């Protein structure tokens, strides 16, 4: 149940977060900033505080490998660090996962009690 909720948040997050082209290590990469991700989670009502939103971001990054720090190797923080979405084949999904439409309303209410 909790994994399904996190997956629904991940689907909404990937569709909702704005990415921008950034020059990182002399490469153009589509990135987003940690504090923007926290803002989005709050605005989308997946979290009720910045600390809760950062915890959800850490789960999206750590549990699902939805995104990574640029350059890799740093955990998720509510700050000005850059992150990029990982390739779908590099992500981690729970056993028995099957793609389905995100039910954001149920995810919002249920996630509040799991983080």
PDB file of N, CA and C in Angstrom:
ATOM      1  N   UNK A   1       0.838  -1.200   0.000  1.00  0.00           N
ATOM      2  CA  UNK A   1       0.000   0.000   0.000  1.00  0.00           C
ATOM      3  C   UNK A   1       0.876   1.255   0.000  1.00  0.00           C
ATOM      4  N   UNK A   2       1.837   1.313   0.925  1.00  0.00           N
ATOM      5  CA  UNK A   2       2.707   2.491   1.000  1.00  0.00           C
ATOM      6  C   UNK A   2       3.526   2.649  -0.276  1.00  0.00           C
ATOM      7  N   UNK A   3       4.005   1.524  -0.843  1.00  0.00           N
ATOM      8  CA  UNK A   3       4.768   1.586  -2.091  1.00  0.00           C
ATOM      9  C   UNK A   3       3.906   2.111  -3.229  1.00  0.00           C
ATOM     10  N   UNK A   4       2.647   1.678  -3.276  1.00  0.00           N
ATOM     11  CA  UNK A   4       1.740   2.144  -4.330  1.00  0.00           C
ATOM     12  C   UNK A   4       1.517   3.646  -4.210  1.00  0.00           C
ATOM     13  N   UNK A   5       1.388   4.128  -2.991  1.00  0.00           N
ATOM     14  CA  UNK A   5       1.188   5.561  -2.771  1.00  0.00           C
ATOM     15  C   UNK A   5       2.417   6.337  -3.237  1.00  0.00           C
ATOM     16  N   UNK A   6       3.604   5.850  -2.873  1.00  0.00           N
ATOM     17  CA  UNK A   6       4.836   6.525  -3.287  1.00  0.00           C
ATOM     18  C   UNK A   6       4.946   6.547  -4.811  1.00  0.00           C
ATOM     19  N   UNK A   7       4.544   5.463  -5.456  1.00  0.00           N
ATOM     20  CA  UNK A   7       4.573   5.423  -6.924  1.00  0.00           C
ATOM     21  C   UNK A   7       3.618   6.447  -7.529  1.00  0.00           C
ATOM     22  N   UNK A   8       2.460   6.626  -6.925  1.00  0.00           N
ATOM     23  CA  UNK A   8       1.511   7.613  -7.422  1.00  0.00           C
ATOM     24  C   UNK A   8       2.078   9.025  -7.276  1.00  0.00           C
ATOM     25  N   UNK A   9       2.738   9.281  -6.158  1.00  0.00           N
ATOM     26  CA  UNK A   9       3.386  10.578  -5.967  1.00  0.00           C
ATOM     27  C   UNK A   9       4.477  10.762  -7.021  1.00  0.00           C
ATOM     28  N   UNK A  10       5.259   9.696  -7.277  1.00  0.00           N
ATOM     29  CA  UNK A  10       6.343   9.763  -8.262  1.00  0.00           C
ATOM     30  C   UNK A  10       5.797  10.099  -9.642  1.00  0.00           C
ATOM     31  N   UNK A  11       4.683   9.478 -10.020  1.00  0.00           N
ATOM     32  CA  UNK A  11       4.095   9.757 -11.334  1.00  0.00           C
ATOM     33  C   UNK A  11       3.679  11.221 -11.442  1.00  0.00           C
ATOM     34  N   UNK A  12       3.011  11.712 -10.430  1.00  0.00           N
ATOM     35  CA  UNK A  12       2.572  13.116 -10.440  1.00  0.00           C
ATOM     36  C   UNK A  12       3.776  14.052 -10.419  1.00  0.00           C
ATOM     37  N   UNK A  13       4.792  13.716  -9.627  1.00  0.00           N
ATOM     38  CA  UNK A  13       5.994  14.536  -9.505  1.00  0.00           C
ATOM     39  C   UNK A  13       6.692  14.669 -10.851  1.00  0.00           C
ATOM     40  N   UNK A  14       6.871  13.548 -11.529  1.00  0.00           N
ATOM     41  CA  UNK A  14       7.587  13.576 -12.808  1.00  0.00           C
ATOM     42  C   UNK A  14       6.831  14.388 -13.859  1.00  0.00           C
ATOM     43  N   UNK A  15       5.515  14.331 -13.813  1.00  0.00           N
ATOM     44  CA  UNK A  15       4.716  15.114 -14.756  1.00  0.00           C
ATOM     45  C   UNK A  15       4.647  16.592 -14.370  1.00  0.00           C
ATOM     46  N   UNK A  16       4.743  16.884 -13.064  1.00  0.00           N
ATOM     47  CA  UNK A  16       4.512  18.237 -12.587  1.00  0.00           C
ATOM     48  C   UNK A  16       5.729  19.118 -12.411  1.00  0.00           C
ATOM     49  N   UNK A  17       6.873  18.521 -12.112  1.00  0.00           N
ATOM     50  CA  UNK A  17       8.056  19.333 -11.810  1.00  0.00           C
ATOM     51  C   UNK A  17       8.627  19.924 -13.105  1.00  0.00           C
ATOM     52  N   UNK A  18       8.995  21.172 -13.043  1.00  0.00           N
ATOM     53  CA  UNK A  18       9.561  21.848 -14.214  1.00  0.00           C
ATOM     54  C   UNK A  18      11.066  21.598 -14.282  1.00  0.00           C
ATOM     55  N   UNK A  19      11.520  21.108 -15.424  1.00  0.00           N
ATOM     56  CA  UNK A  19      12.950  20.912 -15.625  1.00  0.00           C
ATOM     57  C   UNK A  19      13.463  22.010 -16.556  1.00  0.00           C
ATOM     58  N   UNK A  20      14.715  22.356 -16.361  1.00  0.00           N
ATOM     59  CA  UNK A  20      15.355  23.393 -17.167  1.00  0.00           C
ATOM     60  C   UNK A  20      16.692  22.861 -17.669  1.00  0.00           C
ATOM     61  N   UNK A  21      17.114  23.362 -18.803  1.00  0.00           N
ATOM     62  CA  UNK A  21      18.422  22.986 -19.346  1.00  0.00           C
ATOM     63  C   UNK A  21      19.489  23.730 -18.548  1.00  0.00           C
ATOM     64  N   UNK A  22      20.429  22.966 -18.007  1.00  0.00           N
ATOM     65  CA  UNK A  22      21.490  23.522 -17.178  1.00  0.00           C
ATOM     66  C   UNK A  22      22.828  23.009 -17.694  1.00  0.00           C
ATOM     67  N   UNK A  23      23.840  23.858 -17.664  1.00  0.00           N
ATOM     68  CA  UNK A  23      25.190  23.423 -18.007  1.00  0.00           C
ATOM     69  C   UNK A  23      25.842  22.854 -16.753  1.00  0.00           C
ATOM     70  N   UNK A  24      26.143  21.560 -16.784  1.00  0.00           N
ATOM     71  CA  UNK A  24      26.795  20.887 -15.668  1.00  0.00           C
ATOM     72  C   UNK A  24      27.966  20.101 -16.237  1.00  0.00           C
ATOM     73  N   UNK A  25      29.146  20.374 -15.726  1.00  0.00           N
ATOM     74  CA  UNK A  25      30.354  19.705 -16.204  1.00  0.00           C
ATOM     75  C   UNK A  25      30.437  19.733 -17.731  1.00  0.00           C
ATOM     76  N   UNK A  26      30.196  20.902 -18.300  1.00  0.00           N
ATOM     77  CA  UNK A  26      30.282  21.176 -19.733  1.00  0.00           C
ATOM     78  C   UNK A  26      29.287  20.353 -20.560  1.00  0.00           C
ATOM     79  N   UNK A  27      28.176  19.938 -19.943  1.00  0.00           N
ATOM     80  CA  UNK A  27      27.115  19.232 -20.650  1.00  0.00           C
ATOM     81  C   UNK A  27      25.794  19.927 -20.378  1.00  0.00           C
ATOM     82  N   UNK A  28      24.926  19.955 -21.393  1.00  0.00           N
ATOM     83  CA  UNK A  28      23.575  20.479 -21.199  1.00  0.00           C
ATOM     84  C   UNK A  28      22.704  19.332 -20.692  1.00  0.00           C
ATOM     85  N   UNK A  29      22.113  19.523 -19.510  1.00  0.00           N
ATOM     86  CA  UNK A  29      21.324  18.477 -18.869  1.00  0.00           C
ATOM     87  C   UNK A  29      20.006  19.077 -18.403  1.00  0.00           C
ATOM     88  N   UNK A  30      18.913  18.318 -18.535  1.00  0.00           N
ATOM     89  CA  UNK A  30      17.621  18.745 -18.009  1.00  0.00           C
ATOM     90  C   UNK A  30      17.617  18.494 -16.506  1.00  0.00           C
ATOM     91  N   UNK A  31      17.496  19.548 -15.728  1.00  0.00           N
ATOM     92  CA  UNK A  31      17.590  19.437 -14.279  1.00  0.00           C
ATOM     93  C   UNK A  31      16.454  20.194 -13.587  1.00  0.00           C
ATOM     94  N   UNK A  32      16.323  19.915 -12.298  1.00  0.00           N
ATOM     95  CA  UNK A  32      15.478  20.726 -11.424  1.00  0.00           C
ATOM     96  C   UNK A  32      16.251  20.936 -10.134  1.00  0.00           C
ATOM     97  N   UNK A  33      15.838  21.911  -9.355  1.00  0.00           N
ATOM     98  CA  UNK A  33      16.522  22.272  -8.113  1.00  0.00           C
ATOM     99  C   UNK A  33      15.764  21.674  -6.929  1.00  0.00           C
ATOM    100  N   UNK A  34      16.488  21.218  -5.933  1.00  0.00           N
ATOM    101  CA  UNK A  34      15.879  20.582  -4.763  1.00  0.00           C
ATOM    102  C   UNK A  34      14.805  21.430  -4.109  1.00  0.00           C
ATOM    103  N   UNK A  35      15.064  22.712  -3.926  1.00  0.00           N
ATOM    104  CA  UNK A  35      14.066  23.575  -3.277  1.00  0.00           C
ATOM    105  C   UNK A  35      12.819  23.742  -4.152  1.00  0.00           C
ATOM    106  N   UNK A  36      12.987  23.702  -5.481  1.00  0.00           N
ATOM    107  CA  UNK A  36      11.818  23.759  -6.371  1.00  0.00           C
ATOM    108  C   UNK A  36      10.982  22.484  -6.235  1.00  0.00           C
ATOM    109  N   UNK A  37      11.647  21.352  -6.067  1.00  0.00           N
ATOM    110  CA  UNK A  37      10.934  20.087  -5.875  1.00  0.00           C
ATOM    111  C   UNK A  37      10.137  20.121  -4.573  1.00  0.00           C
ATOM    112  N   UNK A  38      10.726  20.645  -3.521  1.00  0.00           N
ATOM    113  CA  UNK A  38      10.031  20.775  -2.234  1.00  0.00           C
ATOM    114  C   UNK A  38       8.835  21.712  -2.391  1.00  0.00           C
ATOM    115  N   UNK A  39       9.032  22.840  -3.080  1.00  0.00           N
ATOM    116  CA  UNK A  39       7.927  23.765  -3.340  1.00  0.00           C
ATOM    117  C   UNK A  39       6.793  23.057  -4.073  1.00  0.00           C
ATOM    118  N   UNK A  40       7.126  22.257  -5.089  1.00  0.00           N
ATOM    119  CA  UNK A  40       6.108  21.559  -5.872  1.00  0.00           C
ATOM    120  C   UNK A  40       5.341  20.566  -4.997  1.00  0.00           C
ATOM    121  N   UNK A  41       6.045  19.795  -4.177  1.00  0.00           N
ATOM    122  CA  UNK A  41       5.373  18.828  -3.301  1.00  0.00           C
ATOM    123  C   UNK A  41       4.419  19.517  -2.335  1.00  0.00           C
ATOM    124  N   UNK A  42       4.789  20.704  -1.869  1.00  0.00           N
ATOM    125  CA  UNK A  42       3.913  21.482  -0.989  1.00  0.00           C
ATOM    126  C   UNK A  42       2.711  22.027  -1.760  1.00  0.00           C
ATOM    127  N   UNK A  43       2.954  22.613  -2.914  1.00  0.00           N
ATOM    128  CA  UNK A  43       1.880  23.188  -3.720  1.00  0.00           C
ATOM    129  C   UNK A  43       0.887  22.113  -4.163  1.00  0.00           C
ATOM    130  N   UNK A  44       1.396  20.932  -4.501  1.00  0.00           N
ATOM    131  CA  UNK A  44       0.540  19.819  -4.929  1.00  0.00           C
ATOM    132  C   UNK A  44      -0.129  19.130  -3.737  1.00  0.00           C
ATOM    133  N   UNK A  45       0.168  19.608  -2.547  1.00  0.00           N
ATOM    134  CA  UNK A  45      -0.408  19.107  -1.297  1.00  0.00           C
ATOM    135  C   UNK A  45      -0.055  17.650  -0.993  1.00  0.00           C
ATOM    136  N   UNK A  46       1.137  17.240  -1.421  1.00  0.00           N
ATOM    137  CA  UNK A  46       1.651  15.929  -1.033  1.00  0.00           C
ATOM    138  C   UNK A  46       2.366  16.014   0.307  1.00  0.00           C
ATOM    139  N   UNK A  47       2.656  17.231   0.761  1.00  0.00           N
ATOM    140  CA  UNK A  47       3.330  17.455   2.046  1.00  0.00           C
ATOM    141  C   UNK A  47       2.754  18.711   2.680  1.00  0.00           C
ATOM    142  N   UNK A  48       2.848  18.755   4.015  1.00  0.00           N
ATOM    143  CA  UNK A  48       2.313  19.925   4.721  1.00  0.00           C
ATOM    144  C   UNK A  48       3.419  20.790   5.327  1.00  0.00           C
ATOM    145  N   UNK A  49       4.673  20.377   5.173  1.00  0.00           N
ATOM    146  CA  UNK A  49       5.805  21.173   5.665  1.00  0.00           C
ATOM    147  C   UNK A  49       7.005  20.924   4.765  1.00  0.00           C
ATOM    148  N   UNK A  50       7.979  21.809   4.842  1.00  0.00           N
ATOM    149  CA  UNK A  50       9.198  21.634   4.043  1.00  0.00           C
ATOM    150  C   UNK A  50       9.945  20.373   4.476  1.00  0.00           C
ATOM    151  N   UNK A  51       9.967  20.092   5.781  1.00  0.00           N
ATOM    152  CA  UNK A  51      10.646  18.883   6.264  1.00  0.00           C
ATOM    153  C   UNK A  51       9.980  17.625   5.719  1.00  0.00           C
ATOM    154  N   UNK A  52       8.648  17.616   5.715  1.00  0.00           N
ATOM    155  CA  UNK A  52       7.922  16.465   5.183  1.00  0.00           C
ATOM    156  C   UNK A  52       8.170  16.318   3.682  1.00  0.00           C
ATOM    157  N   UNK A  53       8.161  17.433   2.963  1.00  0.00           N
ATOM    158  CA  UNK A  53       8.417  17.396   1.522  1.00  0.00           C
ATOM    159  C   UNK A  53       9.832  16.905   1.227  1.00  0.00           C
ATOM    160  N   UNK A  54      10.805  17.331   2.022  1.00  0.00           N
ATOM    161  CA  UNK A  54      12.177  16.851   1.832  1.00  0.00           C
ATOM    162  C   UNK A  54      12.249  15.348   2.091  1.00  0.00           C
ATOM    163  N   UNK A  55      11.540  14.862   3.100  1.00  0.00           N
ATOM    164  CA  UNK A  55      11.516  13.424   3.394  1.00  0.00           C
ATOM    165  C   UNK A  55      10.913  12.645   2.228  1.00  0.00           C
ATOM    166  N   UNK A  56       9.859  13.179   1.621  1.00  0.00           N
ATOM    167  CA  UNK A  56       9.262  12.523   0.457  1.00  0.00           C
ATOM    168  C   UNK A  56      10.254  12.526  -0.702  1.00  0.00           C
ATOM    169  N   UNK A  57      10.936  13.652  -0.924  1.00  0.00           N
ATOM    170  CA  UNK A  57      11.961  13.718  -1.968  1.00  0.00           C
ATOM    171  C   UNK A  57      13.061  12.685  -1.754  1.00  0.00           C
ATOM    172  N   UNK A  58      13.469  12.501  -0.516  1.00  0.00           N
ATOM    173  CA  UNK A  58      14.495  11.498  -0.211  1.00  0.00           C
ATOM    174  C   UNK A  58      13.991  10.098  -0.540  1.00  0.00           C
ATOM    175  N   UNK A  59      12.712   9.822  -0.284  1.00  0.00           N
ATOM    176  CA  UNK A  59      12.125   8.518  -0.614  1.00  0.00           C
ATOM    177  C   UNK A  59      12.025   8.335  -2.130  1.00  0.00           C
ATOM    178  N   UNK A  60      11.606   9.375  -2.847  1.00  0.00           N
ATOM    179  CA  UNK A  60      11.518   9.282  -4.304  1.00  0.00           C
ATOM    180  C   UNK A  60      12.893   9.000  -4.909  1.00  0.00           C
ATOM    181  N   UNK A  61      13.907   9.631  -4.350  1.00  0.00           N
ATOM    182  CA  UNK A  61      15.272   9.447  -4.844  1.00  0.00           C
ATOM    183  C   UNK A  61      15.851   8.116  -4.374  1.00  0.00           C
ATOM    184  N   UNK A  62      15.711   7.812  -3.090  1.00  0.00           N
ATOM    185  CA  UNK A  62      16.348   6.627  -2.528  1.00  0.00           C
ATOM    186  C   UNK A  62      15.609   5.330  -2.780  1.00  0.00           C
ATOM    187  N   UNK A  63      14.291   5.320  -2.549  1.00  0.00           N
ATOM    188  CA  UNK A  63      13.518   4.083  -2.692  1.00  0.00           C
ATOM    189  C   UNK A  63      13.240   3.730  -4.145  1.00  0.00           C
ATOM    190  N   UNK A  64      12.947   4.737  -4.965  1.00  0.00           N
ATOM    191  CA  UNK A  64      12.544   4.487  -6.350  1.00  0.00           C
ATOM    192  C   UNK A  64      13.627   4.807  -7.375  1.00  0.00           C
ATOM    193  N   UNK A  65      14.670   5.514  -6.946  1.00  0.00           N
ATOM    194  CA  UNK A  65      15.697   5.964  -7.880  1.00  0.00           C
ATOM    195  C   UNK A  65      15.079   6.779  -9.012  1.00  0.00           C
ATOM    196  N   UNK A  66      14.090   7.616  -8.655  1.00  0.00           N
ATOM    197  CA  UNK A  66      13.384   8.424  -9.642  1.00  0.00           C
ATOM    198  C   UNK A  66      14.288   9.503 -10.228  1.00  0.00           C
ATOM    199  N   UNK A  67      15.175  10.031  -9.413  1.00  0.00           N
ATOM    200  CA  UNK A  67      16.092  11.063  -9.872  1.00  0.00           C
ATOM    201  C   UNK A  67      17.399  10.939  -9.115  1.00  0.00           C
ATOM    202  N   UNK A  68      18.409  11.667  -9.604  1.00  0.00           N
ATOM    203  CA  UNK A  68      19.734  11.630  -8.983  1.00  0.00           C
ATOM    204  C   UNK A  68      20.322  13.022  -8.951  1.00  0.00           C
ATOM    205  N   UNK A  69      21.260  13.206  -8.045  1.00  0.00           N
ATOM    206  CA  UNK A  69      21.981  14.475  -7.961  1.00  0.00           C
ATOM    207  C   UNK A  69      22.911  14.592  -9.161  1.00  0.00           C
ATOM    208  N   UNK A  70      23.146  15.813  -9.594  1.00  0.00           N
ATOM    209  CA  UNK A  70      24.078  16.059 -10.700  1.00  0.00           C
ATOM    210  C   UNK A  70      25.229  16.884 -10.161  1.00  0.00           C
ATOM    211  N   UNK A  71      26.467  16.362 -10.164  1.00  0.00           N
ATOM    212  CA  UNK A  71      26.833  14.987 -10.462  1.00  0.00           C
ATOM    213  C   UNK A  71      26.369  14.044  -9.351  1.00  0.00           C
ATOM    214  N   UNK A  72      26.295  12.768  -9.645  1.00  0.00           N
ATOM    215  CA  UNK A  72      25.721  11.764  -8.744  1.00  0.00           C
ATOM    216  C   UNK A  72      26.495  11.649  -7.435  1.00  0.00           C
ATOM    217  N   UNK A  73      25.830  11.062  -6.443  1.00  0.00           N
ATOM    218  CA  UNK A  73      26.514  10.766  -5.199  1.00  0.00           C
ATOM    219  C   UNK A  73      26.072  11.558  -3.986  1.00  0.00           C
ATOM    220  N   UNK A  74      25.119  12.465  -4.136  1.00  0.00           N
ATOM    221  CA  UNK A  74      24.665  13.297  -3.022  1.00  0.00           C
ATOM    222  C   UNK A  74      23.182  13.026  -2.794  1.00  0.00           C
ATOM    223  N   UNK A  75      22.744  12.882  -1.539  1.00  0.00           N
ATOM    224  CA  UNK A  75      21.310  12.663  -1.280  1.00  0.00           C
ATOM    225  C   UNK A  75      20.486  13.913  -1.577  1.00  0.00           C
ATOM    226  N   UNK A  76      19.169  13.777  -1.483  1.00  0.00           N
ATOM    227  CA  UNK A  76      18.265  14.886  -1.780  1.00  0.00           C
ATOM    228  C   UNK A  76      18.204  15.866  -0.614  1.00  0.00           C
ATOM    229  N   UNK A  77      18.263  17.170  -0.940  1.00  0.00           N
ATOM    230  CA  UNK A  77      18.157  18.234   0.047  1.00  0.00           C
ATOM    231  C   UNK A  77      17.264  19.352  -0.480  1.00  0.00           C
ATOM    232  N   UNK A  78      16.636  20.066   0.435  1.00  0.00           N
ATOM    233  CA  UNK A  78      15.834  21.251   0.136  1.00  0.00           C
ATOM    234  C   UNK A  78      16.780  22.438   0.027  1.00  0.00           C
ATOM    235  N   UNK A  79      17.478  22.509  -1.092  1.00  0.00           N
ATOM    236  CA  UNK A  79      18.425  23.601  -1.314  1.00  0.00           C
ATOM    237  C   UNK A  79      18.608  23.817  -2.811  1.00  0.00           C
ATOM    238  N   UNK A  80      19.694  24.451  -3.206  1.00  0.00           N
ATOM    239  CA  UNK A  80      19.904  24.825  -4.607  1.00  0.00           C
ATOM    240  C   UNK A  80      20.709  23.810  -5.410  1.00  0.00           C
ATOM    241  N   UNK A  81      20.816  22.590  -4.929  1.00  0.00           N
ATOM    242  CA  UNK A  81      21.521  21.548  -5.692  1.00  0.00           C
ATOM    243  C   UNK A  81      20.673  21.100  -6.872  1.00  0.00           C
ATOM    244  N   UNK A  82      21.354  20.615  -7.913  1.00  0.00           N
ATOM    245  CA  UNK A  82      20.680  20.162  -9.128  1.00  0.00           C
ATOM    246  C   UNK A  82      20.431  18.659  -9.090  1.00  0.00           C
ATOM    247  N   UNK A  83      19.279  18.269  -9.648  1.00  0.00           N
ATOM    248  CA  UNK A  83      18.892  16.862  -9.767  1.00  0.00           C
ATOM    249  C   UNK A  83      18.340  16.633 -11.166  1.00  0.00           C
ATOM    250  N   UNK A  84      18.421  15.395 -11.642  1.00  0.00           N
ATOM    251  CA  UNK A  84      17.827  15.043 -12.931  1.00  0.00           C
ATOM    252  C   UNK A  84      17.117  13.703 -12.794  1.00  0.00           C
ATOM    253  N   UNK A  85      16.098  13.515 -13.620  1.00  0.00           N
ATOM    254  CA  UNK A  85      15.370  12.254 -13.619  1.00  0.00           C
ATOM    255  C   UNK A  85      16.259  11.162 -14.197  1.00  0.00           C
ATOM    256  N   UNK A  86      16.152   9.971 -13.633  1.00  0.00           N
ATOM    257  CA  UNK A  86      16.898   8.823 -14.141  1.00  0.00           C
ATOM    258  C   UNK A  86      16.142   8.211 -15.314  1.00  0.00           C
ATOM    259  N   UNK A  87      16.833   7.385 -16.082  1.00  0.00           N
ATOM    260  CA  UNK A  87      16.182   6.640 -17.150  1.00  0.00           C
ATOM    261  C   UNK A  87      15.238   5.614 -16.524  1.00  0.00           C
ATOM    262  N   UNK A  88      14.121   5.370 -17.169  1.00  0.00           N
ATOM    263  CA  UNK A  88      13.099   4.467 -16.632  1.00  0.00           C
ATOM    264  C   UNK A  88      13.684   3.091 -16.301  1.00  0.00           C
ATOM    265  N   UNK A  89      14.554   2.571 -17.141  1.00  0.00           N
ATOM    266  CA  UNK A  89      15.115   1.235 -16.905  1.00  0.00           C
ATOM    267  C   UNK A  89      16.029   1.182 -15.679  1.00  0.00           C
ATOM    268  N   UNK A  90      16.464   2.339 -15.175  1.00  0.00           N
ATOM    269  CA  UNK A  90      17.347   2.389 -14.005  1.00  0.00           C
ATOM    270  C   UNK A  90      16.588   2.571 -12.695  1.00  0.00           C
ATOM    271  N   UNK A  91      15.279   2.652 -12.763  1.00  0.00           N
ATOM    272  CA  UNK A  91      14.481   2.899 -11.564  1.00  0.00           C
ATOM    273  C   UNK A  91      14.178   1.607 -10.820  1.00  0.00           C
ATOM    274  N   UNK A  92      13.827   1.760  -9.559  1.00  0.00           N
ATOM    275  CA  UNK A  92      13.512   0.638  -8.697  1.00  0.00           C
ATOM    276  C   UNK A  92      12.018   0.630  -8.424  1.00  0.00           C
ATOM    277  N   UNK A  93      11.348  -0.465  -8.763  1.00  0.00           N
ATOM    278  CA  UNK A  93       9.913  -0.585  -8.516  1.00  0.00           C
ATOM    279  C   UNK A  93       9.654  -1.742  -7.562  1.00  0.00           C
ATOM    280  N   UNK A  94       8.642  -1.604  -6.712  1.00  0.00           N
ATOM    281  CA  UNK A  94       8.324  -2.697  -5.791  1.00  0.00           C
ATOM    282  C   UNK A  94       7.822  -3.924  -6.534  1.00  0.00           C
ATOM    283  N   UNK A  95       7.934  -5.084  -5.898  1.00  0.00           N
ATOM    284  CA  UNK A  95       7.449  -6.337  -6.470  1.00  0.00           C
ATOM    285  C   UNK A  95       5.973  -6.211  -6.810  1.00  0.00           C
ATOM    286  N   UNK A  96       5.588  -6.736  -7.949  1.00  0.00           N
ATOM    287  CA  UNK A  96       4.186  -6.722  -8.334  1.00  0.00           C
ATOM    288  C   UNK A  96       3.694  -5.405  -8.881  1.00  0.00           C
ATOM    289  N   UNK A  97       4.615  -4.467  -9.136  1.00  0.00           N
ATOM    290  CA  UNK A  97       4.211  -3.159  -9.653  1.00  0.00           C
ATOM    291  C   UNK A  97       3.678  -3.293 -11.070  1.00  0.00           C
ATOM    292  N   UNK A  98       2.575  -2.653 -11.326  1.00  0.00           N
ATOM    293  CA  UNK A  98       2.068  -2.547 -12.687  1.00  0.00           C
ATOM    294  C   UNK A  98       1.653  -1.099 -12.895  1.00  0.00           C
ATOM    295  N   UNK A  99       1.941  -0.575 -14.056  1.00  0.00           N
ATOM    296  CA  UNK A  99       1.629   0.830 -14.303  1.00  0.00           C
ATOM    297  C   UNK A  99       0.130   1.017 -14.313  1.00  0.00           C
ATOM    298  N   UNK A 100      -0.299   2.086 -13.663  1.00  0.00           N
ATOM    299  CA  UNK A 100      -1.709   2.458 -13.636  1.00  0.00           C
ATOM    300  C   UNK A 100      -1.793   3.959 -13.482  1.00  0.00           C
ATOM    301  N   UNK A 101      -2.943   4.496 -13.739  1.00  0.00           N
ATOM    302  CA  UNK A 101      -3.117   5.947 -13.646  1.00  0.00           C
ATOM    303  C   UNK A 101      -2.947   6.383 -12.203  1.00  0.00           C
ATOM    304  N   UNK A 102      -2.304   7.507 -12.017  1.00  0.00           N
ATOM    305  CA  UNK A 102      -2.107   8.043 -10.664  1.00  0.00           C
ATOM    306  C   UNK A 102      -3.444   8.481 -10.087  1.00  0.00           C
ATOM    307  N   UNK A 103      -3.655   8.131  -8.843  1.00  0.00           N
ATOM    308  CA  UNK A 103      -4.848   8.568  -8.129  1.00  0.00           C
ATOM    309  C   UNK A 103      -4.381   9.585  -7.107  1.00  0.00           C
ATOM    310  N   UNK A 104      -4.117  10.792  -7.576  1.00  0.00           N
ATOM    311  CA  UNK A 104      -3.434  11.768  -6.735  1.00  0.00           C
ATOM    312  C   UNK A 104      -4.216  12.137  -5.486  1.00  0.00           C
ATOM    313  N   UNK A 105      -5.524  12.173  -5.560  1.00  0.00           N
ATOM    314  CA  UNK A 105      -6.281  12.555  -4.367  1.00  0.00           C
ATOM    315  C   UNK A 105      -6.080  11.532  -3.248  1.00  0.00           C
ATOM    316  N   UNK A 106      -6.190  10.234  -3.571  1.00  0.00           N
ATOM    317  CA  UNK A 106      -5.988   9.215  -2.547  1.00  0.00           C
ATOM    318  C   UNK A 106      -4.533   9.182  -2.104  1.00  0.00           C
ATOM    319  N   UNK A 107      -3.626   9.442  -3.023  1.00  0.00           N
ATOM    320  CA  UNK A 107      -2.209   9.447  -2.665  1.00  0.00           C
ATOM    321  C   UNK A 107      -1.904  10.569  -1.686  1.00  0.00           C
ATOM    322  N   UNK A 108      -2.485  11.733  -1.916  1.00  0.00           N
ATOM    323  CA  UNK A 108      -2.242  12.872  -1.039  1.00  0.00           C
ATOM    324  C   UNK A 108      -2.695  12.573   0.378  1.00  0.00           C
ATOM    325  N   UNK A 109      -3.891  12.035   0.530  1.00  0.00           N
ATOM    326  CA  UNK A 109      -4.414  11.802   1.861  1.00  0.00           C
ATOM    327  C   UNK A 109      -3.690  10.646   2.548  1.00  0.00           C
ATOM    328  N   UNK A 110      -3.368   9.603   1.804  1.00  0.00           N
ATOM    329  CA  UNK A 110      -2.730   8.436   2.420  1.00  0.00           C
ATOM    330  C   UNK A 110      -1.259   8.679   2.724  1.00  0.00           C
ATOM    331  N   UNK A 111      -0.574   9.463   1.893  1.00  0.00           N
ATOM    332  CA  UNK A 111       0.853   9.678   2.076  1.00  0.00           C
ATOM    333  C   UNK A 111       1.125  10.460   3.349  1.00  0.00           C
ATOM    334  N   UNK A 112       0.243  11.326   3.721  1.00  0.00           N
ATOM    335  CA  UNK A 112       0.446  12.152   4.925  1.00  0.00           C
ATOM    336  C   UNK A 112       0.688  11.291   6.150  1.00  0.00           C
ATOM    337  N   UNK A 113       0.105  10.115   6.204  1.00  0.00           N
ATOM    338  CA  UNK A 113       0.288   9.251   7.366  1.00  0.00           C
ATOM    339  C   UNK A 113       1.465   8.306   7.275  1.00  0.00           C
ATOM    340  N   UNK A 114       2.179   8.284   6.148  1.00  0.00           N
ATOM    341  CA  UNK A 114       3.256   7.308   5.983  1.00  0.00           C
ATOM    342  C   UNK A 114       4.642   7.894   6.025  1.00  0.00           C
ATOM    343  N   UNK A 115       4.758   9.194   5.927  1.00  0.00           N
ATOM    344  CA  UNK A 115       6.090   9.822   5.908  1.00  0.00           C
ATOM    345  C   UNK A 115       6.357  10.467   7.261  1.00  0.00           C
TER     346      UNK A 115
END
